Amino acid sequence: TAEVYYPASAQGRDVPVAGGDGSKFPVLCFGHGYLLPGKAYRNIWEGVVPAGYIVVFPKKEKGMFPSHRQLAEDLAFVLNHFRLAGKQEGSLFYERISETNCCMGHSMGGGSAVLAAGMDPTIGALALLAPYDTHPSAIAAATGIDIPVLIITGSHDCVTPPEKYQLPMFRNFKSSDKTLITILGGSHCQMASSGSLCRLAEKS
C-alpha cells in the first residue's frame, strides 16, 4: 500500500488527474525515515504536487526493525507500477505518467532510495534528505550509480552527521551531475514537517 498525492481536477480521493489536455506528470517516490509515516512529509507533497509532480509514499517498513532492502524494493516497485499504470486503459493515471521519475527519501529512506537505484536502471534521478548508510550499505552502492543526484544535509544533524554519512556517499556517486547542499543550522528532523519520535532521538 502507498499514499499517493497528485495534481487533481478537484479536492477528494480518486478524483481525475488535472490537465485534461493530456498533460503528463513525473513520479517522485519517497522513502520515509525510521518510524516516520508519510504524513510527516507534508512539506514535500505540498511543495512539489502544485508544481506538477505525483508523489508516492510506500507505507511498509514502519516497525522497530525495518528491512532497508525491502524498502528499496518497494520504492523500485512503486515507480515501475506507475510506469505501467500510465499505459493501462482504465487506470486513473492512463496516459498521464511522464517517463521522468525520481527516487527520494529521508534518513533510512534516503539510503534505501540509493539501494533502489542500484537495483533498477530505469530510476532517473535521486533526491536525498540527510540519507543514512543502510544495511546493505548505501555508501557502497553509490559507487555503481551515475544518474543525477541531489543530497541535502543539515550542518547540525546529530543523527546522521554529514561527515560520516552524506559526504562519503556523495563522493562515491559516479554521476557527473551531482549536487550537495548544506542547510546551515539545519537538523535531521527538520527535513520533515513533523515527527515527535525523530525529535526525541535528536535530544537523546
C-alpha atoms as a PDB file:
ATOM      1  CA  THR A   1       0.000   0.000   0.000  1.00  0.00           C
ATOM      2  CA  ALA A   2       1.040   3.593  -0.543  1.00  0.00           C
ATOM      3  CA  GLU A   3      -0.137   7.159  -0.083  1.00  0.00           C
ATOM      4  CA  VAL A   4      -0.438   8.995  -3.408  1.00  0.00           C
ATOM      5  CA  TYR A   5      -0.658  12.762  -3.905  1.00  0.00           C
ATOM      6  CA  TYR A   6      -1.162  14.107  -7.415  1.00  0.00           C
ATOM      7  CA  PRO A   7      -2.327  17.196  -9.354  1.00  0.00           C
ATOM      8  CA  ALA A   8      -6.108  16.730  -9.378  1.00  0.00           C
ATOM      9  CA  SER A   9      -9.076  18.348 -11.049  1.00  0.00           C
ATOM     10  CA  ALA A  10     -10.850  18.730  -7.673  1.00  0.00           C
ATOM     11  CA  GLN A  11     -10.461  18.032  -3.952  1.00  0.00           C
ATOM     12  CA  GLY A  12     -11.053  14.443  -2.852  1.00  0.00           C
ATOM     13  CA  ARG A  13      -9.916  10.850  -3.221  1.00  0.00           C
ATOM     14  CA  ASP A  14      -9.581   9.097  -6.591  1.00  0.00           C
ATOM     15  CA  VAL A  15     -10.695  12.204  -8.477  1.00  0.00           C
ATOM     16  CA  PRO A  16      -9.499  12.686 -12.081  1.00  0.00           C
ATOM     17  CA  VAL A  17      -5.952  13.843 -12.660  1.00  0.00           C
ATOM     18  CA  ALA A  18      -5.677  17.533 -13.507  1.00  0.00           C
ATOM     19  CA  GLY A  19      -4.975  18.797 -17.001  1.00  0.00           C
ATOM     20  CA  GLY A  20      -7.482  17.258 -19.380  1.00  0.00           C
ATOM     21  CA  ASP A  21      -5.251  18.415 -22.227  1.00  0.00           C
ATOM     22  CA  GLY A  22      -3.171  15.260 -21.885  1.00  0.00           C
ATOM     23  CA  SER A  23      -0.519  16.668 -19.574  1.00  0.00           C
ATOM     24  CA  LYS A  24       1.878  14.061 -18.183  1.00  0.00           C
ATOM     25  CA  PHE A  25       3.415  14.239 -14.718  1.00  0.00           C
ATOM     26  CA  PRO A  26       6.732  12.898 -13.369  1.00  0.00           C
ATOM     27  CA  VAL A  27       6.546  10.496 -10.434  1.00  0.00           C
ATOM     28  CA  LEU A  28       8.562  11.034  -7.248  1.00  0.00           C
ATOM     29  CA  CYS A  29       8.653   8.003  -4.946  1.00  0.00           C
ATOM     30  CA  PHE A  30       9.621   8.903  -1.369  1.00  0.00           C
ATOM     31  CA  GLY A  31      11.146   6.601   1.248  1.00  0.00           C
ATOM     32  CA  HIS A  32      10.244   7.580   4.822  1.00  0.00           C
ATOM     33  CA  GLY A  33      12.645   7.865   7.725  1.00  0.00           C
ATOM     34  CA  TYR A  34      12.784   5.459  10.670  1.00  0.00           C
ATOM     35  CA  LEU A  35       9.380   5.300  12.430  1.00  0.00           C
ATOM     36  CA  LEU A  36       8.120   8.260  10.389  1.00  0.00           C
ATOM     37  CA  PRO A  37       4.845   7.962   8.432  1.00  0.00           C
ATOM     38  CA  GLY A  38       4.223   9.555   5.054  1.00  0.00           C
ATOM     39  CA  LYS A  39       2.062  12.227   6.702  1.00  0.00           C
ATOM     40  CA  ALA A  40       5.219  13.553   8.385  1.00  0.00           C
ATOM     41  CA  TYR A  41       6.322  14.833   4.976  1.00  0.00           C
ATOM     42  CA  ARG A  42       3.506  17.257   4.239  1.00  0.00           C
ATOM     43  CA  ASN A  43       6.241  19.773   3.386  1.00  0.00           C
ATOM     44  CA  ILE A  44       7.254  17.558   0.455  1.00  0.00           C
ATOM     45  CA  TRP A  45       3.902  16.947  -1.199  1.00  0.00           C
ATOM     46  CA  GLU A  46       2.586  20.445  -0.551  1.00  0.00           C
ATOM     47  CA  GLY A  47       5.741  21.802  -2.176  1.00  0.00           C
ATOM     48  CA  VAL A  48       6.000  19.680  -5.304  1.00  0.00           C
ATOM     49  CA  VAL A  49       2.495  18.479  -6.221  1.00  0.00           C
ATOM     50  CA  PRO A  50       1.309  22.013  -7.159  1.00  0.00           C
ATOM     51  CA  ALA A  51       4.405  22.227  -9.377  1.00  0.00           C
ATOM     52  CA  GLY A  52       3.174  19.257 -11.401  1.00  0.00           C
ATOM     53  CA  TYR A  53       4.554  16.124  -9.746  1.00  0.00           C
ATOM     54  CA  ILE A  54       2.973  12.927  -8.460  1.00  0.00           C
ATOM     55  CA  VAL A  55       4.383  11.939  -5.038  1.00  0.00           C
ATOM     56  CA  VAL A  56       4.070   8.405  -3.676  1.00  0.00           C
ATOM     57  CA  PHE A  57       4.926   7.212  -0.144  1.00  0.00           C
ATOM     58  CA  PRO A  58       5.195   3.414   0.314  1.00  0.00           C
ATOM     59  CA  LYS A  59       3.698   2.549   3.716  1.00  0.00           C
ATOM     60  CA  LYS A  60       5.713  -0.543   4.649  1.00  0.00           C
ATOM     61  CA  GLU A  61       8.797  -0.963   6.869  1.00  0.00           C
ATOM     62  CA  LYS A  62       7.444   1.239   9.665  1.00  0.00           C
ATOM     63  CA  GLY A  63       8.212  -1.083  12.564  1.00  0.00           C
ATOM     64  CA  MET A  64      11.073  -1.158  15.044  1.00  0.00           C
ATOM     65  CA  PHE A  65      13.161  -3.443  12.847  1.00  0.00           C
ATOM     66  CA  PRO A  66      12.642  -2.355   9.229  1.00  0.00           C
ATOM     67  CA  SER A  67      14.315  -4.005   6.266  1.00  0.00           C
ATOM     68  CA  HIS A  68      16.215  -1.388   4.278  1.00  0.00           C
ATOM     69  CA  ARG A  69      16.438  -3.755   1.318  1.00  0.00           C
ATOM     70  CA  GLN A  70      12.677  -4.322   1.374  1.00  0.00           C
ATOM     71  CA  LEU A  71      12.018  -0.578   1.457  1.00  0.00           C
ATOM     72  CA  ALA A  72      14.361  -0.187  -1.525  1.00  0.00           C
ATOM     73  CA  GLU A  73      12.470  -2.918  -3.389  1.00  0.00           C
ATOM     74  CA  ASP A  74       9.185  -1.181  -2.557  1.00  0.00           C
ATOM     75  CA  LEU A  75      10.464   2.130  -3.954  1.00  0.00           C
ATOM     76  CA  ALA A  76      11.549   0.489  -7.214  1.00  0.00           C
ATOM     77  CA  PHE A  77       8.274  -1.478  -7.406  1.00  0.00           C
ATOM     78  CA  VAL A  78       6.135   1.642  -6.971  1.00  0.00           C
ATOM     79  CA  LEU A  79       7.942   3.551  -9.718  1.00  0.00           C
ATOM     80  CA  ASN A  80       7.516   0.596 -12.073  1.00  0.00           C
ATOM     81  CA  HIS A  81       3.838   0.254 -11.077  1.00  0.00           C
ATOM     82  CA  PHE A  82       3.136   3.866 -12.050  1.00  0.00           C
ATOM     83  CA  ARG A  83       5.038   3.457 -15.303  1.00  0.00           C
ATOM     84  CA  LEU A  84       2.735   0.564 -16.166  1.00  0.00           C
ATOM     85  CA  ALA A  85      -0.384   2.354 -14.873  1.00  0.00           C
ATOM     86  CA  GLY A  86       0.318   5.129 -17.351  1.00  0.00           C
ATOM     87  CA  LYS A  87      -0.090   2.578 -20.158  1.00  0.00           C
ATOM     88  CA  GLN A  88      -3.129   0.705 -18.845  1.00  0.00           C
ATOM     89  CA  GLU A  89      -6.545   1.749 -20.130  1.00  0.00           C
ATOM     90  CA  GLY A  90      -8.957   2.198 -17.256  1.00  0.00           C
ATOM     91  CA  SER A  91      -6.236   3.312 -14.853  1.00  0.00           C
ATOM     92  CA  LEU A  92      -6.726   6.661 -13.125  1.00  0.00           C
ATOM     93  CA  PHE A  93      -3.252   7.548 -14.454  1.00  0.00           C
ATOM     94  CA  TYR A  94      -3.658   6.259 -18.034  1.00  0.00           C
ATOM     95  CA  GLU A  95      -1.566   8.413 -20.384  1.00  0.00           C
ATOM     96  CA  ARG A  96      -0.802  10.816 -17.516  1.00  0.00           C
ATOM     97  CA  ILE A  97       2.611   9.472 -16.412  1.00  0.00           C
ATOM     98  CA  SER A  98       5.802  11.068 -17.704  1.00  0.00           C
ATOM     99  CA  GLU A  99       8.867   8.960 -18.466  1.00  0.00           C
ATOM    100  CA  THR A 100      10.757  11.185 -16.000  1.00  0.00           C
ATOM    101  CA  ASN A 101      10.959   9.845 -12.460  1.00  0.00           C
ATOM    102  CA  CYS A 102      12.937  10.341  -9.261  1.00  0.00           C
ATOM    103  CA  CYS A 103      13.530   8.269  -6.144  1.00  0.00           C
ATOM    104  CA  MET A 104      13.584  10.373  -2.982  1.00  0.00           C
ATOM    105  CA  GLY A 105      13.938   9.688   0.709  1.00  0.00           C
ATOM    106  CA  HIS A 106      14.824  10.928   4.172  1.00  0.00           C
ATOM    107  CA  SER A 107      17.313   9.238   6.504  1.00  0.00           C
ATOM    108  CA  MET A 108      16.924   5.448   6.089  1.00  0.00           C
ATOM    109  CA  GLY A 109      14.514   6.187   3.227  1.00  0.00           C
ATOM    110  CA  GLY A 110      17.257   8.185   1.516  1.00  0.00           C
ATOM    111  CA  GLY A 111      19.705   5.315   1.886  1.00  0.00           C
ATOM    112  CA  SER A 112      17.061   2.897   0.628  1.00  0.00           C
ATOM    113  CA  ALA A 113      16.496   5.146  -2.405  1.00  0.00           C
ATOM    114  CA  VAL A 114      20.181   4.696  -3.244  1.00  0.00           C
ATOM    115  CA  LEU A 115      19.788   0.919  -2.958  1.00  0.00           C
ATOM    116  CA  ALA A 116      16.715   1.107  -5.212  1.00  0.00           C
ATOM    117  CA  ALA A 117      18.675   2.982  -7.883  1.00  0.00           C
ATOM    118  CA  GLY A 118      21.305   0.267  -7.725  1.00  0.00           C
ATOM    119  CA  MET A 119      18.611  -2.364  -8.314  1.00  0.00           C
ATOM    120  CA  ASP A 120      16.616  -0.639 -11.050  1.00  0.00           C
ATOM    121  CA  PRO A 121      18.310   1.108 -14.005  1.00  0.00           C
ATOM    122  CA  THR A 122      15.012   2.791 -15.000  1.00  0.00           C
ATOM    123  CA  ILE A 123      15.196   5.136 -11.994  1.00  0.00           C
ATOM    124  CA  GLY A 124      16.122   8.506 -13.467  1.00  0.00           C
ATOM    125  CA  ALA A 125      17.399  10.594 -10.549  1.00  0.00           C
ATOM    126  CA  LEU A 126      17.907  10.684  -6.776  1.00  0.00           C
ATOM    127  CA  ALA A 127      16.973  13.418  -4.278  1.00  0.00           C
ATOM    128  CA  LEU A 128      18.138  12.548  -0.771  1.00  0.00           C
ATOM    129  CA  LEU A 129      17.447  14.322   2.515  1.00  0.00           C
ATOM    130  CA  ALA A 130      20.067  13.539   5.190  1.00  0.00           C
ATOM    131  CA  PRO A 131      20.467   9.972   3.894  1.00  0.00           C
ATOM    132  CA  TYR A 132      21.579   7.240   6.294  1.00  0.00           C
ATOM    133  CA  ASP A 133      24.002   4.436   5.441  1.00  0.00           C
ATOM    134  CA  THR A 134      21.680   1.453   5.283  1.00  0.00           C
ATOM    135  CA  HIS A 135      22.220  -2.309   5.502  1.00  0.00           C
ATOM    136  CA  PRO A 136      23.326  -3.212   2.867  1.00  0.00           C
ATOM    137  CA  SER A 137      25.428  -0.082   2.585  1.00  0.00           C
ATOM    138  CA  ALA A 138      24.091   2.831   0.553  1.00  0.00           C
ATOM    139  CA  ILE A 139      27.569   4.384   0.668  1.00  0.00           C
ATOM    140  CA  ALA A 140      28.968   1.296  -1.067  1.00  0.00           C
ATOM    141  CA  ALA A 141      26.038   1.099  -3.508  1.00  0.00           C
ATOM    142  CA  ALA A 142      26.678   4.698  -4.601  1.00  0.00           C
ATOM    143  CA  THR A 143      29.860   3.597  -6.369  1.00  0.00           C
ATOM    144  CA  GLY A 144      27.764   1.942  -9.076  1.00  0.00           C
ATOM    145  CA  ILE A 145      25.325   4.818  -9.695  1.00  0.00           C
ATOM    146  CA  ASP A 146      25.779   7.542 -12.312  1.00  0.00           C
ATOM    147  CA  ILE A 147      22.339   9.207 -12.550  1.00  0.00           C
ATOM    148  CA  PRO A 148      21.745  12.830 -11.422  1.00  0.00           C
ATOM    149  CA  VAL A 149      21.889  13.135  -7.618  1.00  0.00           C
ATOM    150  CA  LEU A 150      20.884  15.859  -5.166  1.00  0.00           C
ATOM    151  CA  ILE A 151      21.788  15.483  -1.479  1.00  0.00           C
ATOM    152  CA  ILE A 152      20.551  17.959   1.132  1.00  0.00           C
ATOM    153  CA  THR A 153      22.205  17.919   4.556  1.00  0.00           C
ATOM    154  CA  GLY A 154      21.859  19.871   7.790  1.00  0.00           C
ATOM    155  CA  SER A 155      25.000  21.278   9.389  1.00  0.00           C
ATOM    156  CA  HIS A 156      23.587  20.483  12.870  1.00  0.00           C
ATOM    157  CA  ASP A 157      22.452  16.945  12.049  1.00  0.00           C
ATOM    158  CA  CYS A 158      23.369  14.826  15.082  1.00  0.00           C
ATOM    159  CA  VAL A 159      21.512  11.708  13.853  1.00  0.00           C
ATOM    160  CA  THR A 160      23.260  11.257  10.501  1.00  0.00           C
ATOM    161  CA  PRO A 161      26.240  13.646  10.664  1.00  0.00           C
ATOM    162  CA  PRO A 162      27.198  14.745   7.123  1.00  0.00           C
ATOM    163  CA  GLU A 163      30.881  13.918   7.533  1.00  0.00           C
ATOM    164  CA  LYS A 164      30.017  10.311   8.432  1.00  0.00           C
ATOM    165  CA  TYR A 165      27.126   9.672   6.066  1.00  0.00           C
ATOM    166  CA  GLN A 166      26.317  12.163   3.312  1.00  0.00           C
ATOM    167  CA  LEU A 167      29.835  13.289   2.356  1.00  0.00           C
ATOM    168  CA  PRO A 168      31.215   9.752   1.803  1.00  0.00           C
ATOM    169  CA  MET A 169      28.069   8.866  -0.117  1.00  0.00           C
ATOM    170  CA  PHE A 170      28.350  11.999  -2.254  1.00  0.00           C
ATOM    171  CA  ARG A 171      31.980  11.265  -3.070  1.00  0.00           C
ATOM    172  CA  ASN A 172      31.161   7.698  -4.111  1.00  0.00           C
ATOM    173  CA  PHE A 173      28.493   8.568  -6.678  1.00  0.00           C
ATOM    174  CA  LYS A 174      29.889   8.270 -10.213  1.00  0.00           C
ATOM    175  CA  SER A 175      27.450  10.879 -11.508  1.00  0.00           C
ATOM    176  CA  SER A 176      28.784  13.813 -13.493  1.00  0.00           C
ATOM    177  CA  ASP A 177      25.640  15.673 -12.383  1.00  0.00           C
ATOM    178  CA  LYS A 178      25.632  15.644  -8.585  1.00  0.00           C
ATOM    179  CA  THR A 179      24.984  18.408  -6.064  1.00  0.00           C
ATOM    180  CA  LEU A 180      25.285  18.607  -2.285  1.00  0.00           C
ATOM    181  CA  ILE A 181      23.544  21.412  -0.395  1.00  0.00           C
ATOM    182  CA  THR A 182      24.118  22.045   3.311  1.00  0.00           C
ATOM    183  CA  ILE A 183      21.470  23.951   5.278  1.00  0.00           C
ATOM    184  CA  LEU A 184      23.385  25.981   7.851  1.00  0.00           C
ATOM    185  CA  GLY A 185      21.890  25.298  11.270  1.00  0.00           C
ATOM    186  CA  GLY A 186      19.631  22.612   9.818  1.00  0.00           C
ATOM    187  CA  SER A 187      18.904  19.461  11.822  1.00  0.00           C
ATOM    188  CA  HIS A 188      17.994  15.921  10.856  1.00  0.00           C
ATOM    189  CA  CYS A 189      14.323  16.112  11.766  1.00  0.00           C
ATOM    190  CA  GLN A 190      13.732  19.489  10.116  1.00  0.00           C
ATOM    191  CA  MET A 191      13.716  17.639   6.786  1.00  0.00           C
ATOM    192  CA  ALA A 192      10.169  16.557   7.715  1.00  0.00           C
ATOM    193  CA  SER A 193       7.254  18.742   8.753  1.00  0.00           C
ATOM    194  CA  SER A 194       6.508  16.632  11.840  1.00  0.00           C
ATOM    195  CA  GLY A 195       7.851  13.682  13.775  1.00  0.00           C
ATOM    196  CA  SER A 196       7.952  13.632  17.583  1.00  0.00           C
ATOM    197  CA  LEU A 197       9.921  10.356  17.721  1.00  0.00           C
ATOM    198  CA  CYS A 198      12.554  11.803  15.420  1.00  0.00           C
ATOM    199  CA  ARG A 199      12.924  14.890  17.601  1.00  0.00           C
ATOM    200  CA  LEU A 200      13.154  12.682  20.672  1.00  0.00           C
ATOM    201  CA  ALA A 201      16.059  10.822  19.027  1.00  0.00           C
ATOM    202  CA  GLU A 202      17.774  14.139  18.362  1.00  0.00           C
ATOM    203  CA  LYS A 203      17.514  15.168  22.021  1.00  0.00           C
ATOM    204  CA  SER A 204      18.940  11.866  23.211  1.00  0.00           C
END
